[in-house]
Amino acid sequence: MSIDKSGLENETKGKMKETEGKFRGDLGKATGDTSEHVKGRVEEAKGKTQKDFGKIERKV
């Protein structure tokens, strides 16, 4: 697998994880579930990190 393909894969998976985390965090906030809210925000941050890493891989 080339680094460009790996970067695109990381970027795509990261964006999906970021979106899922945002949804989970918003749902937790709306329902008053602090634990779910925090877990969602953590997942969102992990996704953003993976997405950004993928962008960097593609530029290399």
PDB file of N, CA and C in Angstrom:
ATOM      1  N   MET A   1       0.850  -1.173   0.000  1.00  0.00           N
ATOM      2  CA  MET A   1       0.000   0.000   0.000  1.00  0.00           C
ATOM      3  C   MET A   1       0.897   1.239   0.000  1.00  0.00           C
ATOM      4  N   SER A   2       0.605   2.165  -0.881  1.00  0.00           N
ATOM      5  CA  SER A   2       1.406   3.379  -0.958  1.00  0.00           C
ATOM      6  C   SER A   2       1.038   4.325   0.185  1.00  0.00           C
ATOM      7  N   ILE A   3       1.946   5.228   0.477  1.00  0.00           N
ATOM      8  CA  ILE A   3       1.698   6.170   1.575  1.00  0.00           C
ATOM      9  C   ILE A   3       0.544   7.106   1.228  1.00  0.00           C
ATOM     10  N   ASP A   4       0.365   7.409  -0.072  1.00  0.00           N
ATOM     11  CA  ASP A   4      -0.747   8.265  -0.487  1.00  0.00           C
ATOM     12  C   ASP A   4      -2.072   7.562  -0.231  1.00  0.00           C
ATOM     13  N   LYS A   5      -2.145   6.270  -0.568  1.00  0.00           N
ATOM     14  CA  LYS A   5      -3.374   5.505  -0.344  1.00  0.00           C
ATOM     15  C   LYS A   5      -3.643   5.349   1.150  1.00  0.00           C
ATOM     16  N   SER A   6      -2.573   5.096   1.904  1.00  0.00           N
ATOM     17  CA  SER A   6      -2.699   4.975   3.353  1.00  0.00           C
ATOM     18  C   SER A   6      -3.191   6.295   3.952  1.00  0.00           C
ATOM     19  N   GLY A   7      -2.677   7.394   3.435  1.00  0.00           N
ATOM     20  CA  GLY A   7      -3.089   8.712   3.917  1.00  0.00           C
ATOM     21  C   GLY A   7      -4.552   8.978   3.644  1.00  0.00           C
ATOM     22  N   LEU A   8      -4.998   8.612   2.445  1.00  0.00           N
ATOM     23  CA  LEU A   8      -6.405   8.803   2.093  1.00  0.00           C
ATOM     24  C   LEU A   8      -7.291   7.950   2.982  1.00  0.00           C
ATOM     25  N   GLU A   9      -6.856   6.722   3.249  1.00  0.00           N
ATOM     26  CA  GLU A   9      -7.616   5.820   4.123  1.00  0.00           C
ATOM     27  C   GLU A   9      -7.713   6.394   5.538  1.00  0.00           C
ATOM     28  N   ASN A  10      -6.601   6.866   6.071  1.00  0.00           N
ATOM     29  CA  ASN A  10      -6.595   7.465   7.410  1.00  0.00           C
ATOM     30  C   ASN A  10      -7.474   8.713   7.454  1.00  0.00           C
ATOM     31  N   GLU A  11      -7.388   9.508   6.412  1.00  0.00           N
ATOM     32  CA  GLU A  11      -8.176  10.735   6.366  1.00  0.00           C
ATOM     33  C   GLU A  11      -9.676  10.409   6.351  1.00  0.00           C
ATOM     34  N   THR A  12     -10.061   9.422   5.558  1.00  0.00           N
ATOM     35  CA  THR A  12     -11.467   9.036   5.455  1.00  0.00           C
ATOM     36  C   THR A  12     -11.978   8.430   6.759  1.00  0.00           C
ATOM     37  N   LYS A  13     -11.220   7.475   7.301  1.00  0.00           N
ATOM     38  CA  LYS A  13     -11.636   6.840   8.558  1.00  0.00           C
ATOM     39  C   LYS A  13     -11.690   7.861   9.692  1.00  0.00           C
ATOM     40  N   GLY A  14     -10.724   8.776   9.705  1.00  0.00           N
ATOM     41  CA  GLY A  14     -10.697   9.811  10.732  1.00  0.00           C
ATOM     42  C   GLY A  14     -11.898  10.730  10.649  1.00  0.00           C
ATOM     43  N   LYS A  15     -12.285  11.107   9.448  1.00  0.00           N
ATOM     44  CA  LYS A  15     -13.449  11.975   9.266  1.00  0.00           C
ATOM     45  C   LYS A  15     -14.707  11.262   9.742  1.00  0.00           C
ATOM     46  N   MET A  16     -14.825   9.970   9.432  1.00  0.00           N
ATOM     47  CA  MET A  16     -15.992   9.202   9.883  1.00  0.00           C
ATOM     48  C   MET A  16     -16.031   9.127  11.406  1.00  0.00           C
ATOM     49  N   LYS A  17     -14.866   8.851  12.004  1.00  0.00           N
ATOM     50  CA  LYS A  17     -14.791   8.751  13.468  1.00  0.00           C
ATOM     51  C   LYS A  17     -15.096  10.104  14.112  1.00  0.00           C
ATOM     52  N   GLU A  18     -14.606  11.162  13.501  1.00  0.00           N
ATOM     53  CA  GLU A  18     -14.846  12.507  14.019  1.00  0.00           C
ATOM     54  C   GLU A  18     -16.348  12.830  13.988  1.00  0.00           C
ATOM     55  N   THR A  19     -17.005  12.490  12.892  1.00  0.00           N
ATOM     56  CA  THR A  19     -18.437  12.750  12.747  1.00  0.00           C
ATOM     57  C   THR A  19     -19.250  11.921  13.739  1.00  0.00           C
ATOM     58  N   GLU A  20     -18.903  10.641  13.881  1.00  0.00           N
ATOM     59  CA  GLU A  20     -19.597   9.778  14.834  1.00  0.00           C
ATOM     60  C   GLU A  20     -19.426  10.292  16.266  1.00  0.00           C
ATOM     61  N   GLY A  21     -18.211  10.726  16.578  1.00  0.00           N
ATOM     62  CA  GLY A  21     -17.945  11.257  17.915  1.00  0.00           C
ATOM     63  C   GLY A  21     -18.726  12.525  18.197  1.00  0.00           C
ATOM     64  N   LYS A  22     -18.816  13.396  17.197  1.00  0.00           N
ATOM     65  CA  LYS A  22     -19.586  14.633  17.369  1.00  0.00           C
ATOM     66  C   LYS A  22     -21.048  14.296  17.619  1.00  0.00           C
ATOM     67  N   PHE A  23     -21.591  13.366  16.838  1.00  0.00           N
ATOM     68  CA  PHE A  23     -22.984  12.959  17.021  1.00  0.00           C
ATOM     69  C   PHE A  23     -23.196  12.366  18.411  1.00  0.00           C
ATOM     70  N   ARG A  24     -22.289  11.475  18.811  1.00  0.00           N
ATOM     71  CA  ARG A  24     -22.400  10.822  20.119  1.00  0.00           C
ATOM     72  C   ARG A  24     -22.316  11.853  21.250  1.00  0.00           C
ATOM     73  N   GLY A  25     -21.400  12.806  21.105  1.00  0.00           N
ATOM     74  CA  GLY A  25     -21.259  13.853  22.113  1.00  0.00           C
ATOM     75  C   GLY A  25     -22.479  14.747  22.196  1.00  0.00           C
ATOM     76  N   ASP A  26     -23.020  15.115  21.039  1.00  0.00           N
ATOM     77  CA  ASP A  26     -24.219  15.957  21.010  1.00  0.00           C
ATOM     78  C   ASP A  26     -25.416  15.219  21.599  1.00  0.00           C
ATOM     79  N   LEU A  27     -25.528  13.933  21.282  1.00  0.00           N
ATOM     80  CA  LEU A  27     -26.628  13.128  21.818  1.00  0.00           C
ATOM     81  C   LEU A  27     -26.504  13.014  23.343  1.00  0.00           C
ATOM     82  N   GLY A  28     -25.292  12.782  23.812  1.00  0.00           N
ATOM     83  CA  GLY A  28     -25.064  12.714  25.257  1.00  0.00           C
ATOM     84  C   GLY A  28     -25.411  14.017  25.951  1.00  0.00           C
ATOM     85  N   LYS A  29     -25.063  15.126  25.314  1.00  0.00           N
ATOM     86  CA  LYS A  29     -25.372  16.443  25.895  1.00  0.00           C
ATOM     87  C   LYS A  29     -26.879  16.674  25.920  1.00  0.00           C
ATOM     88  N   ALA A  30     -27.554  16.302  24.824  1.00  0.00           N
ATOM     89  CA  ALA A  30     -28.995  16.513  24.721  1.00  0.00           C
ATOM     90  C   ALA A  30     -29.765  15.673  25.740  1.00  0.00           C
ATOM     91  N   THR A  31     -29.262  14.482  26.033  1.00  0.00           N
ATOM     92  CA  THR A  31     -29.955  13.604  26.970  1.00  0.00           C
ATOM     93  C   THR A  31     -29.472  13.789  28.409  1.00  0.00           C
ATOM     94  N   GLY A  32     -28.472  14.635  28.599  1.00  0.00           N
ATOM     95  CA  GLY A  32     -27.952  14.881  29.937  1.00  0.00           C
ATOM     96  C   GLY A  32     -27.013  13.794  30.433  1.00  0.00           C
ATOM     97  N   ASP A  33     -26.534  12.956  29.513  1.00  0.00           N
ATOM     98  CA  ASP A  33     -25.616  11.860  29.855  1.00  0.00           C
ATOM     99  C   ASP A  33     -24.179  12.360  29.709  1.00  0.00           C
ATOM    100  N   THR A  34     -23.606  12.838  30.798  1.00  0.00           N
ATOM    101  CA  THR A  34     -22.268  13.425  30.780  1.00  0.00           C
ATOM    102  C   THR A  34     -21.220  12.437  30.290  1.00  0.00           C
ATOM    103  N   SER A  35     -21.351  11.186  30.704  1.00  0.00           N
ATOM    104  CA  SER A  35     -20.390  10.159  30.305  1.00  0.00           C
ATOM    105  C   SER A  35     -20.372   9.990  28.783  1.00  0.00           C
ATOM    106  N   GLU A  36     -21.540   9.895  28.166  1.00  0.00           N
ATOM    107  CA  GLU A  36     -21.625   9.752  26.705  1.00  0.00           C
ATOM    108  C   GLU A  36     -21.114  11.007  26.013  1.00  0.00           C
ATOM    109  N   HIS A  37     -21.415  12.152  26.583  1.00  0.00           N
ATOM    110  CA  HIS A  37     -20.956  13.423  26.010  1.00  0.00           C
ATOM    111  C   HIS A  37     -19.424  13.450  25.954  1.00  0.00           C
ATOM    112  N   VAL A  38     -18.795  13.082  27.062  1.00  0.00           N
ATOM    113  CA  VAL A  38     -17.330  13.090  27.131  1.00  0.00           C
ATOM    114  C   VAL A  38     -16.745  12.033  26.192  1.00  0.00           C
ATOM    115  N   LYS A  39     -17.317  10.838  26.189  1.00  0.00           N
ATOM    116  CA  LYS A  39     -16.830   9.780  25.295  1.00  0.00           C
ATOM    117  C   LYS A  39     -16.937  10.204  23.837  1.00  0.00           C
ATOM    118  N   GLY A  40     -18.021  10.876  23.496  1.00  0.00           N
ATOM    119  CA  GLY A  40     -18.197  11.365  22.133  1.00  0.00           C
ATOM    120  C   GLY A  40     -17.155  12.401  21.758  1.00  0.00           C
ATOM    121  N   ARG A  41     -16.876  13.294  22.668  1.00  0.00           N
ATOM    122  CA  ARG A  41     -15.876  14.335  22.387  1.00  0.00           C
ATOM    123  C   ARG A  41     -14.469  13.740  22.251  1.00  0.00           C
ATOM    124  N   VAL A  42     -14.179  12.717  23.051  1.00  0.00           N
ATOM    125  CA  VAL A  42     -12.879  12.043  22.950  1.00  0.00           C
ATOM    126  C   VAL A  42     -12.767  11.355  21.595  1.00  0.00           C
ATOM    127  N   GLU A  43     -13.839  10.653  21.192  1.00  0.00           N
ATOM    128  CA  GLU A  43     -13.846   9.979  19.893  1.00  0.00           C
ATOM    129  C   GLU A  43     -13.702  10.997  18.758  1.00  0.00           C
ATOM    130  N   GLU A  44     -14.352  12.133  18.907  1.00  0.00           N
ATOM    131  CA  GLU A  44     -14.260  13.201  17.910  1.00  0.00           C
ATOM    132  C   GLU A  44     -12.814  13.699  17.787  1.00  0.00           C
ATOM    133  N   ALA A  45     -12.150  13.878  18.923  1.00  0.00           N
ATOM    134  CA  ALA A  45     -10.753  14.345  18.910  1.00  0.00           C
ATOM    135  C   ALA A  45      -9.830  13.308  18.280  1.00  0.00           C
ATOM    136  N   LYS A  46     -10.058  12.029  18.586  1.00  0.00           N
ATOM    137  CA  LYS A  46      -9.253  10.963  17.977  1.00  0.00           C
ATOM    138  C   LYS A  46      -9.441  10.950  16.469  1.00  0.00           C
ATOM    139  N   GLY A  47     -10.677  11.125  16.034  1.00  0.00           N
ATOM    140  CA  GLY A  47     -10.965  11.159  14.607  1.00  0.00           C
ATOM    141  C   GLY A  47     -10.291  12.329  13.920  1.00  0.00           C
ATOM    142  N   LYS A  48     -10.319  13.483  14.557  1.00  0.00           N
ATOM    143  CA  LYS A  48      -9.673  14.669  13.979  1.00  0.00           C
ATOM    144  C   LYS A  48      -8.172  14.449  13.858  1.00  0.00           C
ATOM    145  N   THR A  49      -7.587  13.840  14.875  1.00  0.00           N
ATOM    146  CA  THR A  49      -6.154  13.550  14.847  1.00  0.00           C
ATOM    147  C   THR A  49      -5.820  12.594  13.707  1.00  0.00           C
ATOM    148  N   GLN A  50      -6.616  11.530  13.560  1.00  0.00           N
ATOM    149  CA  GLN A  50      -6.383  10.556  12.492  1.00  0.00           C
ATOM    150  C   GLN A  50      -6.562  11.215  11.121  1.00  0.00           C
ATOM    151  N   LYS A  51      -7.572  12.058  10.993  1.00  0.00           N
ATOM    152  CA  LYS A  51      -7.831  12.758   9.735  1.00  0.00           C
ATOM    153  C   LYS A  51      -6.649  13.665   9.378  1.00  0.00           C
ATOM    154  N   ASP A  52      -6.181  14.421  10.343  1.00  0.00           N
ATOM    155  CA  ASP A  52      -5.053  15.320  10.115  1.00  0.00           C
ATOM    156  C   ASP A  52      -3.780  14.535   9.775  1.00  0.00           C
ATOM    157  N   PHE A  53      -3.578  13.396  10.436  1.00  0.00           N
ATOM    158  CA  PHE A  53      -2.433  12.552  10.138  1.00  0.00           C
ATOM    159  C   PHE A  53      -2.496  12.061   8.694  1.00  0.00           C
ATOM    160  N   GLY A  54      -3.694  11.680   8.246  1.00  0.00           N
ATOM    161  CA  GLY A  54      -3.870  11.238   6.874  1.00  0.00           C
ATOM    162  C   GLY A  54      -3.548  12.344   5.873  1.00  0.00           C
ATOM    163  N   LYS A  55      -3.951  13.566   6.200  1.00  0.00           N
ATOM    164  CA  LYS A  55      -3.640  14.700   5.317  1.00  0.00           C
ATOM    165  C   LYS A  55      -2.132  14.896   5.206  1.00  0.00           C
ATOM    166  N   ILE A  56      -1.440  14.761   6.340  1.00  0.00           N
ATOM    167  CA  ILE A  56       0.019  14.914   6.344  1.00  0.00           C
ATOM    168  C   ILE A  56       0.679  13.805   5.531  1.00  0.00           C
ATOM    169  N   GLU A  57       0.189  12.573   5.697  1.00  0.00           N
ATOM    170  CA  GLU A  57       0.733  11.448   4.930  1.00  0.00           C
ATOM    171  C   GLU A  57       0.607  11.692   3.435  1.00  0.00           C
ATOM    172  N   ARG A  58      -0.500  12.251   3.015  1.00  0.00           N
ATOM    173  CA  ARG A  58      -0.717  12.474   1.591  1.00  0.00           C
ATOM    174  C   ARG A  58       0.189  13.566   1.043  1.00  0.00           C
ATOM    175  N   LYS A  59       0.602  14.498   1.898  1.00  0.00           N
ATOM    176  CA  LYS A  59       1.472  15.595   1.448  1.00  0.00           C
ATOM    177  C   LYS A  59       2.927  15.172   1.341  1.00  0.00           C
ATOM    178  N   VAL A  60       3.279  14.104   2.042  1.00  0.00           N
ATOM    179  CA  VAL A  60       4.685  13.655   2.072  1.00  0.00           C
ATOM    180  C   VAL A  60       5.069  13.010   0.803  1.00  0.00           C
TER     181      VAL A  60
END
